[in-house]
Amino acid sequence: VQLQASGGGLVQAGGSLRLSCAASGSVNSINAMGWYRQPPGKQRELVARITSSGNTDYIDSVKGRFTISRDNAKNTVYLQMNSLKPEDTAVYYCNARRVVFPTSLDSWGQGTQVTVSS
């Protein structure tokens, strides 16, 4: 699976951005897709995830502000980010997970920088 992410940028606090992640290759084998982020000097963390059945989950700090969605026809996942805060500043990475029993395989897109100014 290959992932192409886009949509990052610089925005003022309170603003919005939408990230996109287009998947290609063995897309039918993907069980879940998600967005991770890595703030400066910190570890990468899962921000939001959507499963093949459409279930979603989010970290607490973005609930009510971020929405993950997907367009199956385009094999694309989106992350709509509203009410952005300076602490959302990070490099955001798209992820696709395939469960290949008894383990799982992760594919990553290139990171896209999101910078929120105060």
Protein backbone atom coordinates (compact mmCIF):
# COMPACT_ATOMS: atom_id res chain seq x y z
CA VAL A 1 0.00 0.00 0.00
CA GLN A 2 1.29 3.45 -0.93
CA LEU A 3 -0.01 6.58 0.74
CA GLN A 4 0.15 10.15 -0.51
CA ALA A 5 -0.69 12.82 2.05
CA SER A 6 -1.41 16.47 1.42
CA GLY A 7 -3.08 19.50 2.94
CA GLY A 8 -0.82 20.76 5.69
CA GLY A 9 0.15 24.37 6.13
CA LEU A 10 0.27 27.39 8.39
CA VAL A 11 -2.91 28.63 10.02
CA GLN A 12 -3.83 30.93 12.88
CA ALA A 13 -5.34 29.58 16.06
CA GLY A 14 -9.04 28.96 15.58
CA GLY A 15 -8.61 28.25 11.90
CA SER A 16 -9.19 25.08 9.91
CA LEU A 17 -7.26 22.74 7.67
CA ARG A 18 -8.14 19.54 5.86
CA LEU A 19 -5.61 16.78 5.35
CA SER A 20 -6.02 14.21 2.60
CA CYS A 21 -4.45 10.80 2.21
CA ALA A 22 -4.82 8.86 -1.03
CA ALA A 23 -4.10 5.14 -0.93
CA SER A 24 -3.00 2.99 -3.84
CA GLY A 25 -1.91 -0.59 -4.27
CA SER A 26 -3.55 -3.32 -2.20
CA VAL A 27 -6.27 -1.03 -0.85
CA ASN A 28 -8.79 -3.85 -0.43
CA SER A 29 -6.59 -5.38 2.24
CA ILE A 30 -6.63 -2.27 4.45
CA ASN A 31 -8.42 -2.77 7.78
CA ALA A 32 -8.06 0.74 9.13
CA MET A 33 -6.59 4.08 8.22
CA GLY A 34 -5.57 6.82 10.53
CA TRP A 35 -3.68 9.99 11.16
CA TYR A 36 -0.78 10.22 13.56
CA ARG A 37 1.15 13.30 14.56
CA GLN A 38 4.54 14.02 15.99
CA PRO A 39 5.01 17.37 17.73
CA PRO A 40 8.53 18.77 17.97
CA GLY A 41 10.56 16.80 20.49
CA LYS A 42 7.75 14.38 21.26
CA GLN A 43 6.72 10.90 20.26
CA ARG A 44 4.33 10.10 17.48
CA GLU A 45 0.73 9.66 18.64
CA LEU A 46 -2.47 8.43 17.07
CA VAL A 47 -4.87 11.30 16.42
CA ALA A 48 -7.80 9.62 14.69
CA ARG A 49 -8.61 6.33 13.04
CA ILE A 50 -11.37 4.94 10.84
CA THR A 51 -11.90 1.26 10.26
CA SER A 52 -13.06 -0.50 7.12
CA SER A 53 -16.51 -0.74 8.70
CA GLY A 54 -16.60 3.01 9.33
CA ASN A 55 -15.97 3.06 13.06
CA THR A 56 -13.96 6.02 14.24
CA ASP A 57 -12.03 6.96 17.34
CA TYR A 58 -10.06 10.01 18.39
CA ILE A 59 -7.68 11.09 21.08
CA ASP A 60 -9.43 13.16 23.71
CA SER A 61 -7.64 16.39 22.86
CA VAL A 62 -9.18 16.56 19.37
CA LYS A 63 -12.69 15.26 20.05
CA GLY A 64 -15.27 17.72 18.84
CA ARG A 65 -12.71 19.57 16.71
CA PHE A 66 -11.36 16.98 14.27
CA THR A 67 -13.32 14.66 12.01
CA ILE A 68 -11.92 11.71 10.10
CA SER A 69 -13.81 10.51 7.06
CA ARG A 70 -13.23 8.54 3.92
CA ASP A 71 -14.24 8.39 0.28
CA ASN A 72 -14.12 4.75 -0.74
CA ALA A 73 -14.49 5.57 -4.43
CA LYS A 74 -11.31 7.64 -4.28
CA ASN A 75 -9.51 5.45 -1.73
CA THR A 76 -8.92 8.63 0.22
CA VAL A 77 -9.15 9.46 3.90
CA TYR A 78 -9.58 13.00 5.18
CA LEU A 79 -8.92 14.71 8.46
CA GLN A 80 -10.94 17.88 8.89
CA MET A 81 -9.34 19.96 11.61
CA ASN A 82 -11.33 22.85 13.05
CA SER A 83 -10.69 25.21 15.95
CA LEU A 84 -7.00 24.53 15.65
CA LYS A 85 -4.77 25.27 18.62
CA PRO A 86 -1.02 25.92 18.79
CA GLU A 87 -0.62 22.55 20.51
CA ASP A 88 -1.89 20.88 17.33
CA THR A 89 1.35 21.92 15.66
CA ALA A 90 3.09 18.77 14.46
CA VAL A 91 4.06 16.71 11.47
CA TYR A 92 1.01 14.65 10.56
CA TYR A 93 1.40 11.17 9.08
CA CYS A 94 -1.17 9.05 7.31
CA ASN A 95 -1.25 5.38 8.23
CA ALA A 96 -2.84 2.28 6.73
CA ARG A 97 -2.99 -0.94 8.71
CA ARG A 98 -3.48 -4.41 7.29
CA VAL A 99 -4.08 -7.34 9.57
CA VAL A 100 -2.08 -10.31 8.35
CA PHE A 101 -2.65 -12.93 11.01
CA PRO A 102 -1.01 -13.18 13.48
CA THR A 103 0.45 -9.73 13.07
CA SER A 104 -0.34 -6.44 11.36
CA LEU A 105 1.45 -4.42 8.72
CA ASP A 106 1.64 -0.63 8.71
CA SER A 107 2.17 1.63 5.73
CA TRP A 108 3.01 5.30 6.15
CA GLY A 109 2.65 8.34 4.01
CA GLN A 110 5.15 11.15 3.96
CA GLY A 111 4.57 13.62 6.74
CA THR A 112 2.81 16.89 6.22
CA GLN A 113 3.56 19.86 8.45
CA VAL A 114 0.74 21.58 10.31
CA THR A 115 1.70 24.79 12.09
CA VAL A 116 -0.80 26.71 14.19
CA SER A 117 0.24 30.19 15.24
CA SER A 118 -1.13 31.87 18.34
